[in-house]
PDB file of N, CA and C in Angstrom:
ATOM      1  N   MET A   1     -26.454 172.005 103.924  1.00  0.00           N
ATOM      2  CA  MET A   1     -25.756 172.625 105.045  1.00  0.00           C
ATOM      3  C   MET A   1     -25.124 171.511 105.866  1.00  0.00           C
ATOM      4  N   ASP A   2     -23.914 171.678 106.265  1.00  0.00           N
ATOM      5  CA  ASP A   2     -23.244 170.646 107.034  1.00  0.00           C
ATOM      6  C   ASP A   2     -23.469 170.833 108.532  1.00  0.00           C
ATOM      7  N   THR A   3     -22.971 169.877 109.296  1.00  0.00           N
ATOM      8  CA  THR A   3     -23.158 169.884 110.743  1.00  0.00           C
ATOM      9  C   THR A   3     -22.619 171.158 111.387  1.00  0.00           C
ATOM     10  N   LEU A   4     -21.456 171.618 110.940  1.00  0.00           N
ATOM     11  CA  LEU A   4     -20.857 172.831 111.496  1.00  0.00           C
ATOM     12  C   LEU A   4     -21.759 174.040 111.259  1.00  0.00           C
ATOM     13  N   MET A   5     -22.291 174.165 110.059  1.00  0.00           N
ATOM     14  CA  MET A   5     -23.165 175.299 109.753  1.00  0.00           C
ATOM     15  C   MET A   5     -24.433 175.250 110.598  1.00  0.00           C
ATOM     16  N   ASN A   6     -25.017 174.060 110.743  1.00  0.00           N
ATOM     17  CA  ASN A   6     -26.202 173.927 111.590  1.00  0.00           C
ATOM     18  C   ASN A   6     -25.868 174.310 113.027  1.00  0.00           C
ATOM     19  N   SER A   7     -24.705 173.880 113.503  1.00  0.00           N
ATOM     20  CA  SER A   7     -24.280 174.200 114.859  1.00  0.00           C
ATOM     21  C   SER A   7     -24.138 175.712 115.053  1.00  0.00           C
ATOM     22  N   ILE A   8     -23.595 176.378 114.063  1.00  0.00           N
ATOM     23  CA  ILE A   8     -23.448 177.831 114.135  1.00  0.00           C
ATOM     24  C   ILE A   8     -24.815 178.498 114.192  1.00  0.00           C
ATOM     25  N   GLU A   9     -25.754 178.028 113.382  1.00  0.00           N
ATOM     26  CA  GLU A   9     -27.105 178.591 113.383  1.00  0.00           C
ATOM     27  C   GLU A   9     -27.824 178.318 114.700  1.00  0.00           C
ATOM     28  N   ILE A  10     -27.644 177.129 115.247  1.00  0.00           N
ATOM     29  CA  ILE A  10     -28.248 176.793 116.539  1.00  0.00           C
ATOM     30  C   ILE A  10     -27.704 177.730 117.618  1.00  0.00           C
ATOM     31  N   ASP A  11     -26.394 177.928 117.628  1.00  0.00           N
ATOM     32  CA  ASP A  11     -25.772 178.834 118.601  1.00  0.00           C
ATOM     33  C   ASP A  11     -26.309 180.253 118.441  1.00  0.00           C
ATOM     34  N   LYS A  12     -26.472 180.680 117.198  1.00  0.00           N
ATOM     35  CA  LYS A  12     -26.981 182.027 116.918  1.00  0.00           C
ATOM     36  C   LYS A  12     -28.408 182.194 117.443  1.00  0.00           C
ATOM     37  N   ILE A  13     -29.272 181.223 117.173  1.00  0.00           N
ATOM     38  CA  ILE A  13     -30.665 181.297 117.621  1.00  0.00           C
ATOM     39  C   ILE A  13     -30.730 181.224 119.142  1.00  0.00           C
ATOM     40  N   THR A  14     -29.944 180.339 119.736  1.00  0.00           N
ATOM     41  CA  THR A  14     -29.906 180.232 121.200  1.00  0.00           C
ATOM     42  C   THR A  14     -29.471 181.557 121.822  1.00  0.00           C
ATOM     43  N   TYR A  15     -28.455 182.161 121.250  1.00  0.00           N
ATOM     44  CA  TYR A  15     -27.968 183.453 121.729  1.00  0.00           C
ATOM     45  C   TYR A  15     -29.068 184.513 121.606  1.00  0.00           C
ATOM     46  N   LEU A  16     -29.731 184.573 120.465  1.00  0.00           N
ATOM     47  CA  LEU A  16     -30.788 185.569 120.253  1.00  0.00           C
ATOM     48  C   LEU A  16     -31.937 185.391 121.246  1.00  0.00           C
ATOM     49  N   ILE A  17     -32.325 184.158 121.480  1.00  0.00           N
ATOM     50  CA  ILE A  17     -33.408 183.905 122.439  1.00  0.00           C
ATOM     51  C   ILE A  17     -32.970 184.340 123.834  1.00  0.00           C
ATOM     52  N   ASN A  18     -31.756 183.980 124.228  1.00  0.00           N
ATOM     53  CA  ASN A  18     -31.263 184.373 125.556  1.00  0.00           C
ATOM     54  C   ASN A  18     -31.149 185.890 125.701  1.00  0.00           C
ATOM     55  N   GLN A  19     -30.765 186.573 124.635  1.00  0.00           N
ATOM     56  CA  GLN A  19     -30.651 188.030 124.670  1.00  0.00           C
ATOM     57  C   GLN A  19     -32.019 188.714 124.766  1.00  0.00           C
ATOM     58  N   HIS A  20     -33.056 188.017 124.310  1.00  0.00           N
ATOM     59  CA  HIS A  20     -34.412 188.587 124.299  1.00  0.00           C
ATOM     60  C   HIS A  20     -35.372 187.733 125.122  1.00  0.00           C
ATOM     61  N   ILE A  21     -34.859 187.130 126.177  1.00  0.00           N
ATOM     62  CA  ILE A  21     -35.636 186.180 126.973  1.00  0.00           C
ATOM     63  C   ILE A  21     -36.889 186.816 127.576  1.00  0.00           C
ATOM     64  N   GLU A  22     -36.860 188.119 127.791  1.00  0.00           N
ATOM     65  CA  GLU A  22     -38.039 188.790 128.357  1.00  0.00           C
ATOM     66  C   GLU A  22     -39.254 188.661 127.448  1.00  0.00           C
ATOM     67  N   LEU A  23     -39.046 188.477 126.154  1.00  0.00           N
ATOM     68  CA  LEU A  23     -40.163 188.284 125.224  1.00  0.00           C
ATOM     69  C   LEU A  23     -40.888 186.968 125.478  1.00  0.00           C
ATOM     70  N   PHE A  24     -40.228 186.065 126.181  1.00  0.00           N
ATOM     71  CA  PHE A  24     -40.761 184.730 126.401  1.00  0.00           C
ATOM     72  C   PHE A  24     -41.309 184.536 127.812  1.00  0.00           C
ATOM     73  N   ASN A  25     -41.562 185.620 128.532  1.00  0.00           N
ATOM     74  CA  ASN A  25     -42.033 185.526 129.909  1.00  0.00           C
ATOM     75  C   ASN A  25     -43.376 184.824 130.046  1.00  0.00           C
ATOM     76  N   SER A  26     -44.200 184.843 129.011  1.00  0.00           N
ATOM     77  CA  SER A  26     -45.515 184.198 129.064  1.00  0.00           C
ATOM     78  C   SER A  26     -45.429 182.679 128.943  1.00  0.00           C
ATOM     79  N   PHE A  27     -44.234 182.172 128.665  1.00  0.00           N
ATOM     80  CA  PHE A  27     -44.091 180.750 128.367  1.00  0.00           C
ATOM     81  C   PHE A  27     -43.222 180.041 129.399  1.00  0.00           C
ATOM     82  N   ASN A  28     -43.647 178.840 129.752  1.00  0.00           N
ATOM     83  CA  ASN A  28     -42.907 178.030 130.714  1.00  0.00           C
ATOM     84  C   ASN A  28     -41.658 177.436 130.091  1.00  0.00           C
ATOM     85  N   ASN A  29     -41.799 176.998 128.826  1.00  0.00           N
ATOM     86  CA  ASN A  29     -40.699 176.295 128.165  1.00  0.00           C
ATOM     87  C   ASN A  29     -40.545 176.759 126.721  1.00  0.00           C
ATOM     88  N   ILE A  30     -39.295 176.688 126.255  1.00  0.00           N
ATOM     89  CA  ILE A  30     -38.940 177.006 124.869  1.00  0.00           C
ATOM     90  C   ILE A  30     -38.094 175.846 124.355  1.00  0.00           C
ATOM     91  N   TYR A  31     -38.460 175.324 123.183  1.00  0.00           N
ATOM     92  CA  TYR A  31     -37.709 174.240 122.555  1.00  0.00           C
ATOM     93  C   TYR A  31     -37.431 174.577 121.099  1.00  0.00           C
ATOM     94  N   LEU A  32     -36.228 174.264 120.641  1.00  0.00           N
ATOM     95  CA  LEU A  32     -35.914 174.272 119.219  1.00  0.00           C
ATOM     96  C   LEU A  32     -36.076 172.844 118.725  1.00  0.00           C
ATOM     97  N   PHE A  33     -36.616 172.686 117.514  1.00  0.00           N
ATOM     98  CA  PHE A  33     -36.728 171.360 116.918  1.00  0.00           C
ATOM     99  C   PHE A  33     -36.740 171.519 115.402  1.00  0.00           C
ATOM    100  N   GLY A  34     -36.839 170.418 114.707  1.00  0.00           N
ATOM    101  CA  GLY A  34     -36.968 170.477 113.261  1.00  0.00           C
ATOM    102  C   GLY A  34     -35.649 170.403 112.524  1.00  0.00           C
ATOM    103  N   SER A  35     -35.680 170.871 111.271  1.00  0.00           N
ATOM    104  CA  SER A  35     -34.542 170.706 110.357  1.00  0.00           C
ATOM    105  C   SER A  35     -33.274 171.405 110.834  1.00  0.00           C
ATOM    106  N   LEU A  36     -33.408 172.436 111.633  1.00  0.00           N
ATOM    107  CA  LEU A  36     -32.225 173.131 112.147  1.00  0.00           C
ATOM    108  C   LEU A  36     -31.343 172.190 112.961  1.00  0.00           C
ATOM    109  N   LEU A  37     -31.956 171.217 113.620  1.00  0.00           N
ATOM    110  CA  LEU A  37     -31.204 170.290 114.468  1.00  0.00           C
ATOM    111  C   LEU A  37     -30.743 169.042 113.724  1.00  0.00           C
ATOM    112  N   SER A  38     -31.046 168.950 112.439  1.00  0.00           N
ATOM    113  CA  SER A  38     -30.687 167.777 111.654  1.00  0.00           C
ATOM    114  C   SER A  38     -29.480 168.072 110.772  1.00  0.00           C
ATOM    115  N   ALA A  39     -28.452 167.257 110.897  1.00  0.00           N
ATOM    116  CA  ALA A  39     -27.251 167.435 110.080  1.00  0.00           C
ATOM    117  C   ALA A  39     -27.511 167.072 108.620  1.00  0.00           C
ATOM    118  N   GLU A  40     -28.553 166.272 108.373  1.00  0.00           N
ATOM    119  CA  GLU A  40     -28.833 165.816 107.015  1.00  0.00           C
ATOM    120  C   GLU A  40     -29.676 166.800 106.214  1.00  0.00           C
ATOM    121  N   LYS A  41     -30.213 167.814 106.839  1.00  0.00           N
ATOM    122  CA  LYS A  41     -31.141 168.714 106.159  1.00  0.00           C
ATOM    123  C   LYS A  41     -30.608 170.141 106.136  1.00  0.00           C
ATOM    124  N   ASN A  42     -30.984 170.851 105.098  1.00  0.00           N
ATOM    125  CA  ASN A  42     -30.708 172.284 105.014  1.00  0.00           C
ATOM    126  C   ASN A  42     -31.920 173.022 105.571  1.00  0.00           C
ATOM    127  N   PRO A  43     -31.774 173.647 106.701  1.00  0.00           N
ATOM    128  CA  PRO A  43     -32.941 174.313 107.285  1.00  0.00           C
ATOM    129  C   PRO A  43     -33.347 175.544 106.476  1.00  0.00           C
ATOM    130  N   ASN A  44     -34.658 175.691 106.302  1.00  0.00           N
ATOM    131  CA  ASN A  44     -35.166 176.892 105.649  1.00  0.00           C
ATOM    132  C   ASN A  44     -36.056 177.692 106.596  1.00  0.00           C
ATOM    133  N   ASP A  45     -36.214 177.164 107.813  1.00  0.00           N
ATOM    134  CA  ASP A  45     -36.954 177.881 108.838  1.00  0.00           C
ATOM    135  C   ASP A  45     -36.449 177.456 110.210  1.00  0.00           C
ATOM    136  N   ILE A  46     -36.943 178.140 111.214  1.00  0.00           N
ATOM    137  CA  ILE A  46     -36.610 177.816 112.597  1.00  0.00           C
ATOM    138  C   ILE A  46     -37.896 177.387 113.276  1.00  0.00           C
ATOM    139  N   ASP A  47     -37.910 176.154 113.753  1.00  0.00           N
ATOM    140  CA  ASP A  47     -39.077 175.618 114.456  1.00  0.00           C
ATOM    141  C   ASP A  47     -38.881 175.807 115.953  1.00  0.00           C
ATOM    142  N   ILE A  48     -39.820 176.516 116.559  1.00  0.00           N
ATOM    143  CA  ILE A  48     -39.765 176.782 117.996  1.00  0.00           C
ATOM    144  C   ILE A  48     -41.075 176.335 118.618  1.00  0.00           C
ATOM    145  N   LEU A  49     -40.981 175.524 119.660  1.00  0.00           N
ATOM    146  CA  LEU A  49     -42.141 175.114 120.442  1.00  0.00           C
ATOM    147  C   LEU A  49     -42.170 175.951 121.706  1.00  0.00           C
ATOM    148  N   LEU A  50     -43.299 176.582 121.955  1.00  0.00           N
ATOM    149  CA  LEU A  50     -43.509 177.380 123.165  1.00  0.00           C
ATOM    150  C   LEU A  50     -44.638 176.744 123.964  1.00  0.00           C
ATOM    151  N   ILE A  51     -44.399 176.522 125.244  1.00  0.00           N
ATOM    152  CA  ILE A  51     -45.402 175.898 126.109  1.00  0.00           C
ATOM    153  C   ILE A  51     -45.762 176.859 127.231  1.00  0.00           C
ATOM    154  N   TYR A  52     -47.062 177.039 127.409  1.00  0.00           N
ATOM    155  CA  TYR A  52     -47.563 177.934 128.451  1.00  0.00           C
ATOM    156  C   TYR A  52     -48.464 177.163 129.402  1.00  0.00           C
ATOM    157  N   SER A  53     -48.625 177.677 130.616  1.00  0.00           N
ATOM    158  CA  SER A  53     -49.476 177.002 131.592  1.00  0.00           C
ATOM    159  C   SER A  53     -50.882 177.577 131.611  1.00  0.00           C
ATOM    160  N   GLU A  54     -51.013 178.865 131.386  1.00  0.00           N
ATOM    161  CA  GLU A  54     -52.335 179.490 131.429  1.00  0.00           C
ATOM    162  C   GLU A  54     -52.447 180.514 130.302  1.00  0.00           C
ATOM    163  N   PHE A  55     -53.504 180.378 129.518  1.00  0.00           N
ATOM    164  CA  PHE A  55     -53.683 181.287 128.392  1.00  0.00           C
ATOM    165  C   PHE A  55     -54.042 182.690 128.883  1.00  0.00           C
ATOM    166  N   SER A  56     -53.496 183.696 128.195  1.00  0.00           N
ATOM    167  CA  SER A  56     -53.852 185.090 128.446  1.00  0.00           C
ATOM    168  C   SER A  56     -53.707 185.857 127.143  1.00  0.00           C
ATOM    169  N   ASN A  57     -54.270 187.033 127.092  1.00  0.00           N
ATOM    170  CA  ASN A  57     -54.138 187.880 125.904  1.00  0.00           C
ATOM    171  C   ASN A  57     -52.684 188.291 125.682  1.00  0.00           C
ATOM    172  N   ASN A  58     -51.897 188.311 126.743  1.00  0.00           N
ATOM    173  CA  ASN A  58     -50.469 188.635 126.611  1.00  0.00           C
ATOM    174  C   ASN A  58     -49.751 187.649 125.698  1.00  0.00           C
ATOM    175  N   ILE A  59     -50.198 186.412 125.685  1.00  0.00           N
ATOM    176  CA  ILE A  59     -49.554 185.402 124.849  1.00  0.00           C
ATOM    177  C   ILE A  59     -49.655 185.789 123.379  1.00  0.00           C
ATOM    178  N   ILE A  60     -50.822 186.234 122.943  1.00  0.00           N
ATOM    179  CA  ILE A  60     -51.009 186.640 121.543  1.00  0.00           C
ATOM    180  C   ILE A  60     -50.090 187.816 121.211  1.00  0.00           C
ATOM    181  N   ASP A  61     -50.054 188.801 122.086  1.00  0.00           N
ATOM    182  CA  ASP A  61     -49.171 189.956 121.866  1.00  0.00           C
ATOM    183  C   ASP A  61     -47.708 189.526 121.820  1.00  0.00           C
ATOM    184  N   ASP A  62     -47.316 188.685 122.770  1.00  0.00           N
ATOM    185  CA  ASP A  62     -45.931 188.207 122.819  1.00  0.00           C
ATOM    186  C   ASP A  62     -45.569 187.423 121.568  1.00  0.00           C
ATOM    187  N   LEU A  63     -46.485 186.594 121.079  1.00  0.00           N
ATOM    188  CA  LEU A  63     -46.221 185.807 119.872  1.00  0.00           C
ATOM    189  C   LEU A  63     -45.980 186.701 118.663  1.00  0.00           C
ATOM    190  N   ASN A  64     -46.771 187.731 118.535  1.00  0.00           N
ATOM    191  CA  ASN A  64     -46.582 188.665 117.415  1.00  0.00           C
ATOM    192  C   ASN A  64     -45.215 189.344 117.482  1.00  0.00           C
ATOM    193  N   ILE A  65     -44.821 189.746 118.673  1.00  0.00           N
ATOM    194  CA  ILE A  65     -43.521 190.398 118.850  1.00  0.00           C
ATOM    195  C   ILE A  65     -42.387 189.412 118.598  1.00  0.00           C
ATOM    196  N   ILE A  66     -42.504 188.201 119.145  1.00  0.00           N
ATOM    197  CA  ILE A  66     -41.482 187.168 118.949  1.00  0.00           C
ATOM    198  C   ILE A  66     -41.327 186.868 117.465  1.00  0.00           C
ATOM    199  N   TYR A  67     -42.438 186.670 116.789  1.00  0.00           N
ATOM    200  CA  TYR A  67     -42.389 186.313 115.376  1.00  0.00           C
ATOM    201  C   TYR A  67     -41.689 187.397 114.554  1.00  0.00           C
ATOM    202  N   SER A  68     -42.125 188.622 114.713  1.00  0.00           N
ATOM    203  CA  SER A  68     -41.533 189.684 113.895  1.00  0.00           C
ATOM    204  C   SER A  68     -40.080 189.953 114.278  1.00  0.00           C
ATOM    205  N   SER A  69     -39.767 189.927 115.546  1.00  0.00           N
ATOM    206  CA  SER A  69     -38.394 190.179 115.994  1.00  0.00           C
ATOM    207  C   SER A  69     -37.434 189.112 115.493  1.00  0.00           C
ATOM    208  N   PHE A  70     -37.797 187.847 115.660  1.00  0.00           N
ATOM    209  CA  PHE A  70     -36.873 186.777 115.311  1.00  0.00           C
ATOM    210  C   PHE A  70     -36.768 186.544 113.820  1.00  0.00           C
ATOM    211  N   ALA A  71     -37.805 186.817 113.076  1.00  0.00           N
ATOM    212  CA  ALA A  71     -37.710 186.709 111.622  1.00  0.00           C
ATOM    213  C   ALA A  71     -36.699 187.725 111.106  1.00  0.00           C
ATOM    214  N   ASN A  72     -36.701 188.924 111.677  1.00  0.00           N
ATOM    215  CA  ASN A  72     -35.753 189.961 111.261  1.00  0.00           C
ATOM    216  C   ASN A  72     -34.333 189.661 111.742  1.00  0.00           C
ATOM    217  N   LEU A  73     -34.196 189.216 112.977  1.00  0.00           N
ATOM    218  CA  LEU A  73     -32.870 188.996 113.557  1.00  0.00           C
ATOM    219  C   LEU A  73     -32.159 187.763 113.012  1.00  0.00           C
ATOM    220  N   SER A  74     -32.915 186.710 112.740  1.00  0.00           N
ATOM    221  CA  SER A  74     -32.296 185.444 112.357  1.00  0.00           C
ATOM    222  C   SER A  74     -32.074 185.300 110.862  1.00  0.00           C
ATOM    223  N   GLY A  75     -32.881 185.974 110.072  1.00  0.00           N
ATOM    224  CA  GLY A  75     -32.789 185.799 108.624  1.00  0.00           C
ATOM    225  C   GLY A  75     -33.522 184.571 108.127  1.00  0.00           C
ATOM    226  N   PHE A  76     -34.144 183.830 109.014  1.00  0.00           N
ATOM    227  CA  PHE A  76     -34.923 182.648 108.666  1.00  0.00           C
ATOM    228  C   PHE A  76     -36.404 182.922 108.926  1.00  0.00           C
ATOM    229  N   GLN A  77     -37.252 182.163 108.242  1.00  0.00           N
ATOM    230  CA  GLN A  77     -38.671 182.178 108.579  1.00  0.00           C
ATOM    231  C   GLN A  77     -38.821 181.487 109.927  1.00  0.00           C
ATOM    232  N   ILE A  78     -39.726 181.980 110.748  1.00  0.00           N
ATOM    233  CA  ILE A  78     -39.952 181.419 112.071  1.00  0.00           C
ATOM    234  C   ILE A  78     -41.270 180.644 112.064  1.00  0.00           C
ATOM    235  N   ASP A  79     -41.231 179.415 112.540  1.00  0.00           N
ATOM    236  CA  ASP A  79     -42.428 178.593 112.653  1.00  0.00           C
ATOM    237  C   ASP A  79     -42.656 178.331 114.133  1.00  0.00           C
ATOM    238  N   LEU A  80     -43.647 179.000 114.712  1.00  0.00           N
ATOM    239  CA  LEU A  80     -43.947 178.865 116.133  1.00  0.00           C
ATOM    240  C   LEU A  80     -45.063 177.851 116.336  1.00  0.00           C
ATOM    241  N   THR A  81     -44.814 176.889 117.201  1.00  0.00           N
ATOM    242  CA  THR A  81     -45.837 175.951 117.646  1.00  0.00           C
ATOM    243  C   THR A  81     -46.095 176.298 119.099  1.00  0.00           C
ATOM    244  N   VAL A  82     -47.342 176.566 119.434  1.00  0.00           N
ATOM    245  CA  VAL A  82     -47.685 177.019 120.779  1.00  0.00           C
ATOM    246  C   VAL A  82     -48.712 176.060 121.370  1.00  0.00           C
ATOM    247  N   LEU A  83     -48.359 175.484 122.506  1.00  0.00           N
ATOM    248  CA  LEU A  83     -49.227 174.518 123.176  1.00  0.00           C
ATOM    249  C   LEU A  83     -49.299 174.831 124.667  1.00  0.00           C
ATOM    250  N   SER A  84     -50.435 174.503 125.242  1.00  0.00           N
ATOM    251  CA  SER A  84     -50.516 174.557 126.698  1.00  0.00           C
ATOM    252  C   SER A  84     -49.809 173.318 127.247  1.00  0.00           C
ATOM    253  N   VAL A  85     -49.538 173.322 128.530  1.00  0.00           N
ATOM    254  CA  VAL A  85     -48.925 172.163 129.173  1.00  0.00           C
ATOM    255  C   VAL A  85     -49.791 170.935 128.926  1.00  0.00           C
ATOM    256  N   GLU A  86     -51.103 171.094 129.072  1.00  0.00           N
ATOM    257  CA  GLU A  86     -52.027 169.973 128.873  1.00  0.00           C
ATOM    258  C   GLU A  86     -52.060 169.508 127.423  1.00  0.00           C
ATOM    259  N   GLU A  87     -52.049 170.431 126.480  1.00  0.00           N
ATOM    260  CA  GLU A  87     -52.039 170.050 125.066  1.00  0.00           C
ATOM    261  C   GLU A  87     -50.785 169.268 124.717  1.00  0.00           C
ATOM    262  N   GLU A  88     -49.652 169.690 125.264  1.00  0.00           N
ATOM    263  CA  GLU A  88     -48.412 168.961 124.996  1.00  0.00           C
ATOM    264  C   GLU A  88     -48.517 167.541 125.543  1.00  0.00           C
ATOM    265  N   LYS A  89     -49.070 167.390 126.735  1.00  0.00           N
ATOM    266  CA  LYS A  89     -49.231 166.053 127.314  1.00  0.00           C
ATOM    267  C   LYS A  89     -50.192 165.212 126.485  1.00  0.00           C
ATOM    268  N   ASP A  90     -51.319 165.812 126.074  1.00  0.00           N
ATOM    269  CA  ASP A  90     -52.333 165.084 125.301  1.00  0.00           C
ATOM    270  C   ASP A  90     -51.820 164.635 123.938  1.00  0.00           C
ATOM    271  N   THR A  91     -51.005 165.460 123.311  1.00  0.00           N
ATOM    272  CA  THR A  91     -50.507 165.144 121.963  1.00  0.00           C
ATOM    273  C   THR A  91     -49.171 164.408 121.974  1.00  0.00           C
ATOM    274  N   ASN A  92     -48.507 164.368 123.133  1.00  0.00           N
ATOM    275  CA  ASN A  92     -47.163 163.777 123.227  1.00  0.00           C
ATOM    276  C   ASN A  92     -46.210 164.410 122.210  1.00  0.00           C
ATOM    277  N   PHE A  93     -46.318 165.717 122.042  1.00  0.00           N
ATOM    278  CA  PHE A  93     -45.538 166.413 121.021  1.00  0.00           C
ATOM    279  C   PHE A  93     -44.043 166.159 121.173  1.00  0.00           C
ATOM    280  N   LEU A  94     -43.527 166.375 122.361  1.00  0.00           N
ATOM    281  CA  LEU A  94     -42.088 166.188 122.584  1.00  0.00           C
ATOM    282  C   LEU A  94     -41.678 164.718 122.420  1.00  0.00           C
ATOM    283  N   LYS A  95     -42.498 163.835 122.892  1.00  0.00           N
ATOM    284  CA  LYS A  95     -42.193 162.411 122.771  1.00  0.00           C
ATOM    285  C   LYS A  95     -42.129 162.002 121.301  1.00  0.00           C
ATOM    286  N   ARG A  96     -43.012 162.561 120.476  1.00  0.00           N
ATOM    287  CA  ARG A  96     -43.023 162.237 119.048  1.00  0.00           C
ATOM    288  C   ARG A  96     -41.796 162.786 118.315  1.00  0.00           C
ATOM    289  N   LEU A  97     -41.104 163.735 118.926  1.00  0.00           N
ATOM    290  CA  LEU A  97     -39.871 164.261 118.329  1.00  0.00           C
ATOM    291  C   LEU A  97     -38.677 163.333 118.567  1.00  0.00           C
ATOM    292  N   ASN A  98     -38.881 162.268 119.343  1.00  0.00           N
ATOM    293  CA  ASN A  98     -37.828 161.283 119.615  1.00  0.00           C
ATOM    294  C   ASN A  98     -36.546 161.927 120.134  1.00  0.00           C
ATOM    295  N   SER A  99     -36.686 162.808 121.080  1.00  0.00           N
ATOM    296  CA  SER A  99     -35.551 163.498 121.713  1.00  0.00           C
ATOM    297  C   SER A  99     -34.760 164.357 120.753  1.00  0.00           C
ATOM    298  N   LYS A 100     -35.332 164.703 119.603  1.00  0.00           N
ATOM    299  CA  LYS A 100     -34.641 165.568 118.629  1.00  0.00           C
ATOM    300  C   LYS A 100     -35.122 166.997 118.822  1.00  0.00           C
ATOM    301  N   TYR A 101     -34.807 167.515 119.989  1.00  0.00           N
ATOM    302  CA  TYR A 101     -35.140 168.896 120.318  1.00  0.00           C
ATOM    303  C   TYR A 101     -34.100 169.420 121.291  1.00  0.00           C
ATOM    304  N   LEU A 102     -34.089 170.717 121.423  1.00  0.00           N
ATOM    305  CA  LEU A 102     -33.165 171.381 122.329  1.00  0.00           C
ATOM    306  C   LEU A 102     -33.972 172.291 123.235  1.00  0.00           C
ATOM    307  N   LYS A 103     -33.958 172.010 124.535  1.00  0.00           N
ATOM    308  CA  LYS A 103     -34.692 172.823 125.491  1.00  0.00           C
ATOM    309  C   LYS A 103     -33.871 174.053 125.841  1.00  0.00           C
ATOM    310  N   LEU A 104     -34.469 175.238 125.654  1.00  0.00           N
ATOM    311  CA  LEU A 104     -33.772 176.494 125.941  1.00  0.00           C
ATOM    312  C   LEU A 104     -34.277 177.163 127.210  1.00  0.00           C
ATOM    313  N   LYS A 105     -35.461 176.774 127.632  1.00  0.00           N
ATOM    314  CA  LYS A 105     -36.030 177.314 128.881  1.00  0.00           C
ATOM    315  C   LYS A 105     -36.983 176.287 129.418  1.00  0.00           C
TER     316      LYS A 105
END
């Protein structure tokens, strides 16, 4: 997949997330990362990082809805990584991505 195709897919996923932003109310931040953002790779899934501040049962319900909705809408497999604010800090997840992510919320 070339850069233009990746850009089109990124725009499509960004649009879908913005259109369904209410599904992400349990999360402080949303990031796209992975092969979708790489011009050298053909993405076969969509990697999304979701960060929350306080765990609740709503998060599990929201994740199930997000997963099923976006897998159907995007045509790609969805890979959700879910971390608390503290877990992200402890693991330096974003830092390890070397700025190869796109913050959507």
